[in-house]
């Protein structure tokens, strides 16, 4: 399953935390989270992470696991073509 995680930093990350982001991706891969893309953004949210997880339970573990650093909102993402097929093949 694909998920989109929107995050807002609880505090500004320091240089060490910024440097640790590569290791964070490796650590979560070991836990079954495949980071597809990770963006730092301007506006309402500070980060957008697109990731794959086996199910909602694993996605929730990810979101709770990073809650010390960011508040998050996680969305389930359905690929466009799959959504079209679901809607047109009643």
N, C-alpha and C. Protein backbone atom coordinates (compact mmCIF):
# COMPACT_ATOMS: atom_id res chain seq x y z
N UNK A 1 0.83 -1.17 0.00
CA UNK A 1 0.00 0.00 0.00
C UNK A 1 0.89 1.24 0.00
N UNK A 2 0.38 2.27 -0.64
CA UNK A 2 1.13 3.52 -0.70
C UNK A 2 0.46 4.54 0.22
N UNK A 3 1.29 5.30 0.93
CA UNK A 3 0.83 6.31 1.87
C UNK A 3 1.55 7.62 1.62
N UNK A 4 0.87 8.71 1.92
CA UNK A 4 1.46 10.05 1.86
C UNK A 4 1.41 10.60 3.27
N UNK A 5 2.56 10.95 3.80
CA UNK A 5 2.65 11.47 5.16
C UNK A 5 3.01 12.94 5.10
N UNK A 6 2.15 13.79 5.67
CA UNK A 6 2.38 15.23 5.73
C UNK A 6 2.85 15.55 7.14
N UNK A 7 4.01 16.21 7.26
CA UNK A 7 4.58 16.44 8.57
C UNK A 7 4.86 17.90 8.87
N UNK A 8 4.76 18.25 10.14
CA UNK A 8 5.06 19.59 10.63
C UNK A 8 6.06 19.41 11.78
N UNK A 9 7.26 20.02 11.65
CA UNK A 9 8.28 19.89 12.69
C UNK A 9 7.77 20.41 14.03
N UNK A 10 8.06 19.69 15.09
CA UNK A 10 7.74 20.16 16.43
C UNK A 10 8.72 21.26 16.84
N UNK A 11 9.96 21.16 16.34
CA UNK A 11 10.97 22.19 16.54
C UNK A 11 11.88 22.16 15.31
N UNK A 12 12.59 23.24 15.10
CA UNK A 12 13.49 23.28 13.94
C UNK A 12 14.57 22.22 14.10
N UNK A 13 14.81 21.39 13.07
CA UNK A 13 15.85 20.37 13.19
C UNK A 13 17.23 21.01 13.22
N UNK A 14 18.13 20.42 14.03
CA UNK A 14 19.50 20.93 14.06
C UNK A 14 20.32 20.22 12.98
N UNK A 15 21.58 20.60 12.83
CA UNK A 15 22.42 20.04 11.76
C UNK A 15 22.58 18.54 11.90
N UNK A 16 22.71 18.04 13.11
CA UNK A 16 22.86 16.60 13.31
C UNK A 16 21.60 15.87 12.85
N UNK A 17 20.44 16.37 13.24
CA UNK A 17 19.18 15.73 12.84
C UNK A 17 19.01 15.76 11.32
N UNK A 18 19.39 16.86 10.71
CA UNK A 18 19.32 16.94 9.25
C UNK A 18 20.24 15.89 8.62
N UNK A 19 21.42 15.74 9.18
CA UNK A 19 22.37 14.74 8.68
C UNK A 19 21.91 13.31 8.91
N UNK A 20 21.07 13.11 9.91
CA UNK A 20 20.60 11.76 10.24
C UNK A 20 19.50 11.27 9.32
N UNK A 21 18.98 12.10 8.42
CA UNK A 21 17.83 11.69 7.61
C UNK A 21 18.14 10.50 6.72
N UNK A 22 19.37 10.40 6.20
CA UNK A 22 19.72 9.24 5.37
C UNK A 22 19.65 7.96 6.18
N UNK A 23 20.12 8.00 7.42
CA UNK A 23 20.08 6.82 8.29
C UNK A 23 18.65 6.47 8.66
N UNK A 24 17.82 7.48 8.83
CA UNK A 24 16.41 7.24 9.14
C UNK A 24 15.76 6.40 8.05
N UNK A 25 16.07 6.72 6.79
CA UNK A 25 15.51 5.96 5.67
C UNK A 25 15.96 4.50 5.73
N UNK A 26 17.21 4.26 6.06
CA UNK A 26 17.74 2.89 6.17
C UNK A 26 17.04 2.16 7.32
N UNK A 27 16.92 2.84 8.45
CA UNK A 27 16.29 2.22 9.62
C UNK A 27 14.85 1.81 9.33
N UNK A 28 14.09 2.67 8.65
CA UNK A 28 12.70 2.35 8.36
C UNK A 28 12.58 1.26 7.31
N UNK A 29 13.54 1.18 6.39
CA UNK A 29 13.54 0.10 5.38
C UNK A 29 13.62 -1.25 6.09
N UNK A 30 14.47 -1.33 7.12
CA UNK A 30 14.61 -2.55 7.90
C UNK A 30 13.28 -2.91 8.57
N UNK A 31 12.49 -1.89 8.93
CA UNK A 31 11.21 -2.11 9.59
C UNK A 31 10.06 -2.33 8.60
N UNK A 32 10.38 -2.42 7.29
CA UNK A 32 9.35 -2.70 6.31
C UNK A 32 8.71 -1.48 5.66
N UNK A 33 9.29 -0.31 5.89
CA UNK A 33 8.78 0.92 5.27
C UNK A 33 9.72 1.29 4.12
N UNK A 34 9.17 1.36 2.92
CA UNK A 34 9.96 1.71 1.74
C UNK A 34 9.66 3.16 1.37
N UNK A 35 10.63 4.05 1.63
CA UNK A 35 10.47 5.46 1.29
C UNK A 35 10.56 5.62 -0.22
N UNK A 36 9.50 6.08 -0.84
CA UNK A 36 9.50 6.30 -2.29
C UNK A 36 10.03 7.69 -2.62
N UNK A 37 9.66 8.67 -1.80
CA UNK A 37 10.18 10.03 -1.97
C UNK A 37 9.99 10.79 -0.68
N UNK A 38 10.85 11.79 -0.49
CA UNK A 38 10.81 12.57 0.73
C UNK A 38 11.14 14.00 0.36
N UNK A 39 10.24 14.91 0.65
CA UNK A 39 10.41 16.31 0.30
C UNK A 39 10.32 17.18 1.55
N UNK A 40 11.10 18.24 1.57
CA UNK A 40 10.94 19.30 2.56
C UNK A 40 10.24 20.41 1.82
N UNK A 41 9.19 20.95 2.41
CA UNK A 41 8.32 21.86 1.69
C UNK A 41 8.14 23.19 2.44
N UNK A 42 7.62 24.15 1.72
CA UNK A 42 7.24 25.44 2.29
C UNK A 42 5.73 25.46 2.40
N UNK A 43 5.20 26.15 3.39
CA UNK A 43 3.76 26.26 3.52
C UNK A 43 3.26 25.57 4.76
N UNK A 44 2.07 25.02 4.67
CA UNK A 44 1.39 24.43 5.82
C UNK A 44 2.16 23.27 6.43
N UNK A 45 2.80 22.45 5.61
CA UNK A 45 3.56 21.31 6.09
C UNK A 45 5.04 21.52 5.79
N UNK A 46 5.89 20.92 6.62
CA UNK A 46 7.33 21.02 6.44
C UNK A 46 7.89 19.87 5.62
N UNK A 47 7.23 18.73 5.68
CA UNK A 47 7.72 17.56 4.95
C UNK A 47 6.55 16.82 4.29
N UNK A 48 6.86 16.17 3.19
CA UNK A 48 5.94 15.25 2.53
C UNK A 48 6.75 13.98 2.26
N UNK A 49 6.29 12.87 2.81
CA UNK A 49 6.95 11.59 2.62
C UNK A 49 5.96 10.65 1.94
N UNK A 50 6.36 10.09 0.81
CA UNK A 50 5.57 9.09 0.12
C UNK A 50 6.26 7.75 0.39
N UNK A 51 5.51 6.81 0.95
CA UNK A 51 6.13 5.53 1.32
C UNK A 51 5.19 4.37 1.09
N UNK A 52 5.78 3.19 1.03
CA UNK A 52 5.02 1.94 0.93
C UNK A 52 5.12 1.21 2.26
N UNK A 53 4.02 0.60 2.65
CA UNK A 53 3.98 -0.25 3.83
C UNK A 53 3.02 -1.40 3.51
N UNK A 54 3.18 -2.48 4.22
CA UNK A 54 2.35 -3.66 3.96
C UNK A 54 0.87 -3.39 4.21
N UNK A 55 0.59 -2.54 5.20
CA UNK A 55 -0.80 -2.29 5.57
C UNK A 55 -0.89 -1.04 6.45
N UNK A 56 -2.10 -0.69 6.85
CA UNK A 56 -2.32 0.50 7.66
C UNK A 56 -1.64 0.40 9.01
N UNK A 57 -1.57 -0.79 9.57
CA UNK A 57 -0.94 -0.99 10.88
C UNK A 57 0.54 -0.60 10.81
N UNK A 58 1.23 -1.03 9.76
CA UNK A 58 2.65 -0.69 9.62
C UNK A 58 2.83 0.80 9.35
N UNK A 59 1.92 1.39 8.59
CA UNK A 59 1.98 2.84 8.34
C UNK A 59 1.78 3.60 9.65
N UNK A 60 0.89 3.12 10.49
CA UNK A 60 0.65 3.77 11.77
C UNK A 60 1.88 3.67 12.66
N UNK A 61 2.55 2.54 12.66
CA UNK A 61 3.78 2.39 13.43
C UNK A 61 4.81 3.43 12.98
N UNK A 62 4.91 3.64 11.68
CA UNK A 62 5.83 4.64 11.15
C UNK A 62 5.46 6.02 11.68
N UNK A 63 4.19 6.40 11.55
CA UNK A 63 3.75 7.73 11.97
C UNK A 63 3.97 7.94 13.47
N UNK A 64 3.67 6.95 14.27
CA UNK A 64 3.87 7.06 15.71
C UNK A 64 5.37 7.11 16.02
N UNK A 65 6.16 6.38 15.25
CA UNK A 65 7.61 6.34 15.48
C UNK A 65 8.31 7.66 15.25
N UNK A 66 7.74 8.51 14.42
CA UNK A 66 8.38 9.80 14.16
C UNK A 66 7.69 10.95 14.91
N UNK A 67 6.71 10.63 15.74
CA UNK A 67 5.90 11.67 16.38
C UNK A 67 6.68 12.51 17.39
N UNK A 68 7.85 12.05 17.81
CA UNK A 68 8.69 12.85 18.70
C UNK A 68 9.19 14.11 17.98
N UNK A 69 9.41 14.00 16.66
CA UNK A 69 10.00 15.10 15.89
C UNK A 69 8.97 15.89 15.08
N UNK A 70 7.92 15.22 14.63
CA UNK A 70 6.94 15.88 13.78
C UNK A 70 5.53 15.45 14.13
N UNK A 71 4.58 16.36 13.93
CA UNK A 71 3.18 15.97 13.96
C UNK A 71 2.84 15.58 12.52
N UNK A 72 2.01 14.58 12.35
CA UNK A 72 1.77 14.07 11.00
C UNK A 72 0.30 13.87 10.70
N UNK A 73 0.04 13.85 9.42
CA UNK A 73 -1.24 13.43 8.87
C UNK A 73 -0.89 12.46 7.76
N UNK A 74 -1.42 11.24 7.82
CA UNK A 74 -1.07 10.23 6.83
C UNK A 74 -2.30 9.86 6.02
N UNK A 75 -2.13 9.83 4.72
CA UNK A 75 -3.21 9.53 3.78
C UNK A 75 -2.90 8.24 3.04
N UNK A 76 -3.92 7.45 2.77
CA UNK A 76 -3.77 6.28 1.91
C UNK A 76 -3.85 6.79 0.47
N UNK A 77 -2.91 6.36 -0.36
CA UNK A 77 -2.88 6.80 -1.76
C UNK A 77 -3.19 5.61 -2.67
N UNK A 78 -4.11 5.82 -3.59
CA UNK A 78 -4.47 4.80 -4.57
C UNK A 78 -3.96 5.30 -5.93
N UNK A 79 -3.13 4.50 -6.62
CA UNK A 79 -2.66 4.93 -7.94
C UNK A 79 -3.84 5.28 -8.85
N UNK A 80 -3.67 6.31 -9.66
CA UNK A 80 -4.74 6.84 -10.51
C UNK A 80 -5.42 5.75 -11.33
N UNK A 81 -4.64 4.94 -12.02
CA UNK A 81 -5.23 3.92 -12.90
C UNK A 81 -6.03 2.90 -12.09
N UNK A 82 -5.53 2.53 -10.93
CA UNK A 82 -6.26 1.59 -10.08
C UNK A 82 -7.57 2.20 -9.61
N UNK A 83 -7.56 3.48 -9.26
CA UNK A 83 -8.79 4.15 -8.84
C UNK A 83 -9.81 4.19 -9.97
N UNK A 84 -9.35 4.48 -11.20
CA UNK A 84 -10.24 4.51 -12.36
C UNK A 84 -10.87 3.13 -12.57
N UNK A 85 -10.06 2.09 -12.48
CA UNK A 85 -10.58 0.72 -12.64
C UNK A 85 -11.60 0.38 -11.56
N UNK A 86 -11.34 0.78 -10.34
CA UNK A 86 -12.29 0.53 -9.26
C UNK A 86 -13.61 1.23 -9.49
N UNK A 87 -13.54 2.45 -9.99
CA UNK A 87 -14.75 3.24 -10.20
C UNK A 87 -15.53 2.85 -11.43
N UNK A 88 -14.87 2.32 -12.45
CA UNK A 88 -15.55 1.98 -13.70
C UNK A 88 -15.95 0.53 -13.79
N UNK A 89 -15.42 -0.32 -12.92
CA UNK A 89 -15.76 -1.74 -12.94
C UNK A 89 -16.59 -2.08 -11.71
N UNK A 90 -17.77 -1.56 -11.65
CA UNK A 90 -18.65 -1.75 -10.48
C UNK A 90 -18.84 -3.21 -10.24
